[in-house]
C-alpha atoms as a PDB file:
ATOM      1  CA  MET A   1     118.174 272.395  75.433  1.00  0.00           C
ATOM      2  CA  MET A   2     120.905 270.534  75.676  1.00  0.00           C
ATOM      3  CA  ARG A   3     123.201 273.543  75.562  1.00  0.00           C
ATOM      4  CA  ASN A   4     123.744 273.569  79.460  1.00  0.00           C
ATOM      5  CA  ARG A   5     123.543 270.014  79.542  1.00  0.00           C
ATOM      6  CA  LYS A   6     127.370 269.747  77.763  1.00  0.00           C
ATOM      7  CA  ALA A   7     128.800 271.680  80.486  1.00  0.00           C
ATOM      8  CA  TYR A   8     128.216 268.411  82.810  1.00  0.00           C
ATOM      9  CA  LYS A   9     130.086 265.928  80.452  1.00  0.00           C
ATOM     10  CA  ILE A  10     133.447 265.171  80.470  1.00  0.00           C
ATOM     11  CA  LYS A  11     135.782 263.829  77.230  1.00  0.00           C
ATOM     12  CA  GLN A  12     136.546 260.483  77.553  1.00  0.00           C
ATOM     13  CA  ARG A  13     140.477 259.429  77.836  1.00  0.00           C
ATOM     14  CA  ASN A  14     141.161 258.688  73.694  1.00  0.00           C
ATOM     15  CA  SER A  15     138.162 259.328  71.862  1.00  0.00           C
ATOM     16  CA  ASN A  16     136.249 261.922  70.383  1.00  0.00           C
ATOM     17  CA  THR A  17     132.770 261.338  71.888  1.00  0.00           C
ATOM     18  CA  ARG A  18     131.924 262.779  75.050  1.00  0.00           C
ATOM     19  CA  THR A  19     130.068 260.787  77.445  1.00  0.00           C
ATOM     20  CA  PRO A  20     127.722 263.025  80.518  1.00  0.00           C
ATOM     21  CA  LYS A  21     127.385 262.122  83.765  1.00  0.00           C
ATOM     22  CA  ARG A  22     125.392 261.574  85.618  1.00  0.00           C
ATOM     23  CA  ILE A  23     124.135 264.764  87.654  1.00  0.00           C
ATOM     24  CA  LEU A  24     123.029 265.165  90.887  1.00  0.00           C
ATOM     25  CA  LEU A  25     121.640 268.283  91.383  1.00  0.00           C
ATOM     26  CA  ILE A  26     121.256 270.289  94.907  1.00  0.00           C
ATOM     27  CA  LYS A  27     119.099 272.984  96.621  1.00  0.00           C
ATOM     28  CA  ALA A  28     120.038 274.110  99.613  1.00  0.00           C
ATOM     29  CA  GLU A  29     118.755 276.790 101.610  1.00  0.00           C
ATOM     30  CA  GLY A  30     120.015 280.096 101.621  1.00  0.00           C
ATOM     31  CA  LYS A  31     124.322 280.413 101.819  1.00  0.00           C
ATOM     32  CA  ASN A  32     124.261 276.927 103.632  1.00  0.00           C
ATOM     33  CA  LYS A  33     127.097 275.417 103.054  1.00  0.00           C
ATOM     34  CA  THR A  34     127.116 272.287 105.016  1.00  0.00           C
ATOM     35  CA  GLU A  35     125.395 270.432 102.636  1.00  0.00           C
ATOM     36  CA  ILE A  36     127.410 271.338  99.961  1.00  0.00           C
ATOM     37  CA  ASN A  37     130.963 270.452 100.943  1.00  0.00           C
ATOM     38  CA  TYR A  38     129.681 267.629 102.196  1.00  0.00           C
ATOM     39  CA  PHE A  39     128.083 265.457  98.522  1.00  0.00           C
ATOM     40  CA  ASN A  40     131.275 267.930  96.801  1.00  0.00           C
ATOM     41  CA  LYS A  41     133.144 264.895  97.765  1.00  0.00           C
ATOM     42  CA  PHE A  42     131.124 261.985  95.986  1.00  0.00           C
ATOM     43  CA  LYS A  43     132.089 263.763  92.140  1.00  0.00           C
ATOM     44  CA  SER A  44     133.734 261.064  90.485  1.00  0.00           C
ATOM     45  CA  ASP A  45     134.312 260.172  87.532  1.00  0.00           C
ATOM     46  CA  THR A  46     130.793 259.107  86.343  1.00  0.00           C
ATOM     47  CA  ILE A  47     129.143 261.539  89.195  1.00  0.00           C
ATOM     48  CA  ASN A  48     128.816 265.399  89.110  1.00  0.00           C
ATOM     49  CA  VAL A  49     127.861 267.496  91.442  1.00  0.00           C
ATOM     50  CA  VAL A  50     125.548 270.524  91.251  1.00  0.00           C
ATOM     51  CA  LEU A  51     124.857 273.633  93.231  1.00  0.00           C
ATOM     52  CA  ALA A  52     121.373 275.158  92.316  1.00  0.00           C
ATOM     53  CA  LYS A  53     121.245 278.540  91.842  1.00  0.00           C
ATOM     54  CA  GLY A  54     119.678 281.300  93.604  1.00  0.00           C
ATOM     55  CA  ASN A  55     119.629 281.755  97.447  1.00  0.00           C
ATOM     56  CA  GLU A  56     115.958 280.812  98.618  1.00  0.00           C
ATOM     57  CA  THR A  57     115.899 279.629 101.603  1.00  0.00           C
ATOM     58  CA  ASP A  58     112.009 278.982 102.278  1.00  0.00           C
ATOM     59  CA  PRO A  59     110.680 275.531 100.415  1.00  0.00           C
ATOM     60  CA  GLU A  60     108.699 276.872  98.122  1.00  0.00           C
ATOM     61  CA  ASN A  61     110.439 278.965  96.242  1.00  0.00           C
ATOM     62  CA  MET A  62     113.608 276.472  97.138  1.00  0.00           C
ATOM     63  CA  MET A  63     111.858 273.813  95.393  1.00  0.00           C
ATOM     64  CA  GLN A  64     110.242 276.325  92.100  1.00  0.00           C
ATOM     65  CA  GLN A  65     114.136 276.836  91.357  1.00  0.00           C
ATOM     66  CA  LEU A  66     115.113 273.477  91.989  1.00  0.00           C
ATOM     67  CA  VAL A  67     112.552 272.893  89.151  1.00  0.00           C
ATOM     68  CA  LYS A  68     113.221 274.852  86.511  1.00  0.00           C
ATOM     69  CA  GLN A  69     116.743 274.495  86.527  1.00  0.00           C
ATOM     70  CA  TYR A  70     116.539 270.675  86.277  1.00  0.00           C
ATOM     71  CA  ASN A  71     113.944 271.877  82.872  1.00  0.00           C
ATOM     72  CA  ASN A  72     116.267 274.278  81.675  1.00  0.00           C
ATOM     73  CA  ASP A  73     119.404 271.762  82.274  1.00  0.00           C
ATOM     74  CA  ASP A  74     117.975 269.127  80.080  1.00  0.00           C
ATOM     75  CA  LEU A  75     118.251 266.582  83.463  1.00  0.00           C
ATOM     76  CA  GLY A  76     117.292 262.482  82.819  1.00  0.00           C
ATOM     77  CA  ASP A  77     115.833 259.424  84.163  1.00  0.00           C
ATOM     78  CA  ASN A  78     120.254 258.649  85.577  1.00  0.00           C
ATOM     79  CA  ASP A  79     120.200 262.090  87.092  1.00  0.00           C
ATOM     80  CA  LEU A  80     118.857 263.299  90.254  1.00  0.00           C
ATOM     81  CA  ALA A  81     117.938 266.435  91.345  1.00  0.00           C
ATOM     82  CA  VAL A  82     117.734 266.943  95.694  1.00  0.00           C
ATOM     83  CA  CYS A  83     115.785 269.898  97.556  1.00  0.00           C
ATOM     84  CA  LEU A  84     117.348 269.957 101.029  1.00  0.00           C
ATOM     85  CA  VAL A  85     115.417 271.508 103.946  1.00  0.00           C
ATOM     86  CA  ASP A  86     115.753 271.528 107.584  1.00  0.00           C
ATOM     87  CA  ALA A  87     112.855 271.184 108.981  1.00  0.00           C
ATOM     88  CA  ASP A  88     114.396 273.469 111.779  1.00  0.00           C
ATOM     89  CA  PHE A  89     111.088 273.549 114.854  1.00  0.00           C
ATOM     90  CA  ASP A  90     109.269 275.604 112.252  1.00  0.00           C
ATOM     91  CA  SER A  91     105.631 275.089 113.073  1.00  0.00           C
ATOM     92  CA  SER A  92     105.207 277.532 109.578  1.00  0.00           C
ATOM     93  CA  LYS A  93     107.369 275.259 107.314  1.00  0.00           C
ATOM     94  CA  ASP A  94     104.519 272.288 107.229  1.00  0.00           C
ATOM     95  CA  ALA A  95     102.278 274.370 104.820  1.00  0.00           C
ATOM     96  CA  GLN A  96     105.521 275.335 102.646  1.00  0.00           C
ATOM     97  CA  LEU A  97     106.403 271.562 102.493  1.00  0.00           C
ATOM     98  CA  LYS A  98     103.137 270.405 101.901  1.00  0.00           C
ATOM     99  CA  ALA A  99     103.447 273.021  99.021  1.00  0.00           C
ATOM    100  CA  ALA A 100     106.696 272.500  97.488  1.00  0.00           C
ATOM    101  CA  GLU A 101     105.711 268.939  97.407  1.00  0.00           C
ATOM    102  CA  LYS A 102     102.613 269.730  94.732  1.00  0.00           C
ATOM    103  CA  LEU A 103     105.266 271.700  92.715  1.00  0.00           C
ATOM    104  CA  ILE A 104     107.542 268.133  92.285  1.00  0.00           C
ATOM    105  CA  PRO A 105     106.216 266.741  88.676  1.00  0.00           C
ATOM    106  CA  LYS A 106     105.369 262.991  88.646  1.00  0.00           C
ATOM    107  CA  GLU A 107     107.736 262.377  85.383  1.00  0.00           C
ATOM    108  CA  LYS A 108     110.739 264.061  87.184  1.00  0.00           C
ATOM    109  CA  ASN A 109     113.285 262.660  88.801  1.00  0.00           C
ATOM    110  CA  ILE A 110     113.182 265.650  91.586  1.00  0.00           C
ATOM    111  CA  LYS A 111     113.169 265.168  95.444  1.00  0.00           C
ATOM    112  CA  LEU A 112     112.262 266.704  99.144  1.00  0.00           C
ATOM    113  CA  ILE A 113     114.792 265.569 101.081  1.00  0.00           C
ATOM    114  CA  VAL A 114     113.881 266.837 104.845  1.00  0.00           C
ATOM    115  CA  SER A 115     115.673 266.303 108.055  1.00  0.00           C
ATOM    116  CA  ASN A 116     114.685 266.986 110.828  1.00  0.00           C
ATOM    117  CA  PRO A 117     115.439 269.191 112.537  1.00  0.00           C
ATOM    118  CA  CYS A 118     118.736 269.186 110.766  1.00  0.00           C
ATOM    119  CA  PHE A 119     121.099 267.968 108.604  1.00  0.00           C
ATOM    120  CA  GLU A 120     123.400 267.022 110.726  1.00  0.00           C
ATOM    121  CA  ILE A 121     121.025 264.300 111.876  1.00  0.00           C
ATOM    122  CA  TRP A 122     122.420 262.347 109.242  1.00  0.00           C
ATOM    123  CA  PHE A 123     126.164 263.151 110.711  1.00  0.00           C
ATOM    124  CA  ILE A 124     124.894 261.218 113.771  1.00  0.00           C
ATOM    125  CA  CYS A 125     123.335 258.199 111.872  1.00  0.00           C
ATOM    126  CA  HIS A 126     127.203 257.330 110.396  1.00  0.00           C
ATOM    127  CA  PHE A 127     128.074 256.256 114.830  1.00  0.00           C
ATOM    128  CA  ILE A 128     124.324 255.918 116.354  1.00  0.00           C
ATOM    129  CA  TYR A 129     121.205 255.207 116.469  1.00  0.00           C
ATOM    130  CA  THR A 130     119.161 257.467 118.826  1.00  0.00           C
ATOM    131  CA  THR A 131     115.575 258.521 118.756  1.00  0.00           C
ATOM    132  CA  ARG A 132     116.830 261.910 121.109  1.00  0.00           C
ATOM    133  CA  ASN A 133     114.695 264.509 121.728  1.00  0.00           C
ATOM    134  CA  TYR A 134     116.505 267.542 120.729  1.00  0.00           C
ATOM    135  CA  THR A 135     115.457 270.971 121.469  1.00  0.00           C
ATOM    136  CA  ASN A 136     116.657 272.879 118.897  1.00  0.00           C
ATOM    137  CA  THR A 137     119.239 272.956 116.049  1.00  0.00           C
ATOM    138  CA  ASP A 138     122.279 273.803 118.439  1.00  0.00           C
ATOM    139  CA  ASP A 139     121.099 270.464 120.234  1.00  0.00           C
ATOM    140  CA  VAL A 140     121.835 268.954 117.724  1.00  0.00           C
ATOM    141  CA  LEU A 141     125.621 270.607 116.801  1.00  0.00           C
ATOM    142  CA  LYS A 142     126.421 270.294 120.871  1.00  0.00           C
ATOM    143  CA  TYR A 143     125.200 266.027 120.524  1.00  0.00           C
ATOM    144  CA  LEU A 144     127.805 265.870 117.356  1.00  0.00           C
ATOM    145  CA  LYS A 145     130.438 267.494 118.794  1.00  0.00           C
ATOM    146  CA  THR A 146     130.368 264.961 121.704  1.00  0.00           C
ATOM    147  CA  ILE A 147     131.125 262.475 118.522  1.00  0.00           C
ATOM    148  CA  ILE A 148     133.092 264.750 116.171  1.00  0.00           C
ATOM    149  CA  PRO A 149     134.799 267.341 119.139  1.00  0.00           C
ATOM    150  CA  ASP A 150     135.709 269.421 116.703  1.00  0.00           C
ATOM    151  CA  TYR A 151     133.270 269.638 114.458  1.00  0.00           C
ATOM    152  CA  GLU A 152     131.716 272.759 112.863  1.00  0.00           C
ATOM    153  CA  LYS A 153     129.183 274.062 110.380  1.00  0.00           C
ATOM    154  CA  ASN A 154     130.506 274.304 106.545  1.00  0.00           C
ATOM    155  CA  SER A 155     133.324 272.372 107.070  1.00  0.00           C
ATOM    156  CA  LEU A 156     135.243 271.481 104.681  1.00  0.00           C
ATOM    157  CA  THR A 157     136.695 268.587 106.383  1.00  0.00           C
ATOM    158  CA  VAL A 158     133.777 266.502 107.840  1.00  0.00           C
ATOM    159  CA  PHE A 159     133.208 263.690 105.203  1.00  0.00           C
ATOM    160  CA  ASP A 160     136.861 262.833 105.635  1.00  0.00           C
ATOM    161  CA  LYS A 161     135.710 262.512 109.657  1.00  0.00           C
ATOM    162  CA  LEU A 162     133.260 260.195 108.647  1.00  0.00           C
ATOM    163  CA  LYS A 163     134.903 258.424 105.729  1.00  0.00           C
ATOM    164  CA  ASN A 164     137.801 257.504 108.207  1.00  0.00           C
ATOM    165  CA  ASN A 165     135.795 257.139 112.129  1.00  0.00           C
ATOM    166  CA  GLY A 166     132.250 256.269 110.552  1.00  0.00           C
ATOM    167  CA  ASN A 167     130.204 254.091 108.460  1.00  0.00           C
ATOM    168  CA  GLU A 168     127.622 255.054 106.380  1.00  0.00           C
ATOM    169  CA  ASP A 169     126.076 251.775 105.922  1.00  0.00           C
ATOM    170  CA  ASP A 170     125.130 252.111 109.741  1.00  0.00           C
ATOM    171  CA  ALA A 171     123.987 255.506 108.992  1.00  0.00           C
ATOM    172  CA  ILE A 172     121.194 254.461 105.420  1.00  0.00           C
ATOM    173  CA  HIS A 173     120.101 252.069 108.390  1.00  0.00           C
ATOM    174  CA  ASN A 174     119.745 254.441 111.496  1.00  0.00           C
ATOM    175  CA  ALA A 175     118.343 256.736 108.957  1.00  0.00           C
ATOM    176  CA  LYS A 176     115.622 253.878 108.312  1.00  0.00           C
ATOM    177  CA  LYS A 177     115.388 252.960 111.299  1.00  0.00           C
ATOM    178  CA  LEU A 178     114.501 256.362 112.826  1.00  0.00           C
ATOM    179  CA  GLU A 179     111.900 257.162 110.442  1.00  0.00           C
ATOM    180  CA  GLN A 180     110.078 253.983 110.652  1.00  0.00           C
ATOM    181  CA  TYR A 181     110.230 255.179 114.369  1.00  0.00           C
ATOM    182  CA  CYS A 182     108.385 257.962 113.457  1.00  0.00           C
ATOM    183  CA  LEU A 183     106.033 256.885 111.173  1.00  0.00           C
ATOM    184  CA  THR A 184     105.406 253.991 114.288  1.00  0.00           C
ATOM    185  CA  ASN A 185     104.547 257.029 116.527  1.00  0.00           C
ATOM    186  CA  GLN A 186     102.276 258.492 114.140  1.00  0.00           C
ATOM    187  CA  LYS A 187     104.408 261.009 113.330  1.00  0.00           C
ATOM    188  CA  LYS A 188     103.646 262.892 109.749  1.00  0.00           C
ATOM    189  CA  PRO A 189     105.692 262.442 107.100  1.00  0.00           C
ATOM    190  CA  HIS A 190     107.096 266.044 105.938  1.00  0.00           C
ATOM    191  CA  THR A 191     105.997 267.524 108.599  1.00  0.00           C
ATOM    192  CA  VAL A 192     108.030 269.234 111.734  1.00  0.00           C
ATOM    193  CA  GLY A 193     106.651 266.728 113.684  1.00  0.00           C
ATOM    194  CA  PHE A 194     108.600 263.917 112.139  1.00  0.00           C
ATOM    195  CA  THR A 195     111.505 264.355 114.210  1.00  0.00           C
ATOM    196  CA  PRO A 196     114.598 263.205 114.816  1.00  0.00           C
ATOM    197  CA  SER A 197     114.438 262.080 110.713  1.00  0.00           C
ATOM    198  CA  THR A 198     116.613 262.298 107.800  1.00  0.00           C
ATOM    199  CA  GLU A 199     115.872 261.624 104.219  1.00  0.00           C
ATOM    200  CA  VAL A 200     119.387 261.947 102.967  1.00  0.00           C
ATOM    201  CA  TYR A 201     119.054 258.231 102.819  1.00  0.00           C
ATOM    202  CA  LYS A 202     117.724 258.395  99.961  1.00  0.00           C
ATOM    203  CA  ILE A 203     120.300 259.971  97.785  1.00  0.00           C
ATOM    204  CA  PHE A 204     122.446 257.113  98.685  1.00  0.00           C
ATOM    205  CA  THR A 205     120.080 254.003  97.972  1.00  0.00           C
ATOM    206  CA  ASP A 206     118.625 255.443  94.661  1.00  0.00           C
ATOM    207  CA  PHE A 207     121.320 257.506  92.864  1.00  0.00           C
ATOM    208  CA  LEU A 208     124.777 257.214  94.713  1.00  0.00           C
ATOM    209  CA  ARG A 209     124.620 253.448  95.393  1.00  0.00           C
ATOM    210  CA  HIS A 210     121.988 252.856  92.269  1.00  0.00           C
END
């Protein structure tokens, strides 16, 4: 079991021992690189960001693959594995999200992170709190472009734009407010109707800043 874990260890300077980095294992939908490009910027001397294998696109199979790799790579209490899912106004995902949740072992540090309708809600939260009623995912991207005019999916520079112009503290605060807004309006978490919202803030409060 420890064989794979060694790949995530770094050698301490002037030491013959190896100290493991904390691992953030990410499972994103298919070949979607937006999330990976963003979180890769959080690599440091103490944190390693790892992309889970596979090109699955439905939440249940994504989570199944994530749990498998979590176990194979021998991740522990100091690590975090996240399954990043966009609700995408796709009502069929309600059942898929429910099935994915059931696959999470209670004793494992694995989270289902849903953005509704898409991950870019997290980027918007860096600049503004809005309960805007989006009609589709393209509508979210169109609105984001009013804030970041040159934004493109899978961008390698979005982290720098957020770091220079956005505010991570505001993003966490606004994401929490959106969550409370949805709950107050009796919307059910991890369903397509829980919109607009994003649980990405939990990666920061539960891991990156913990």
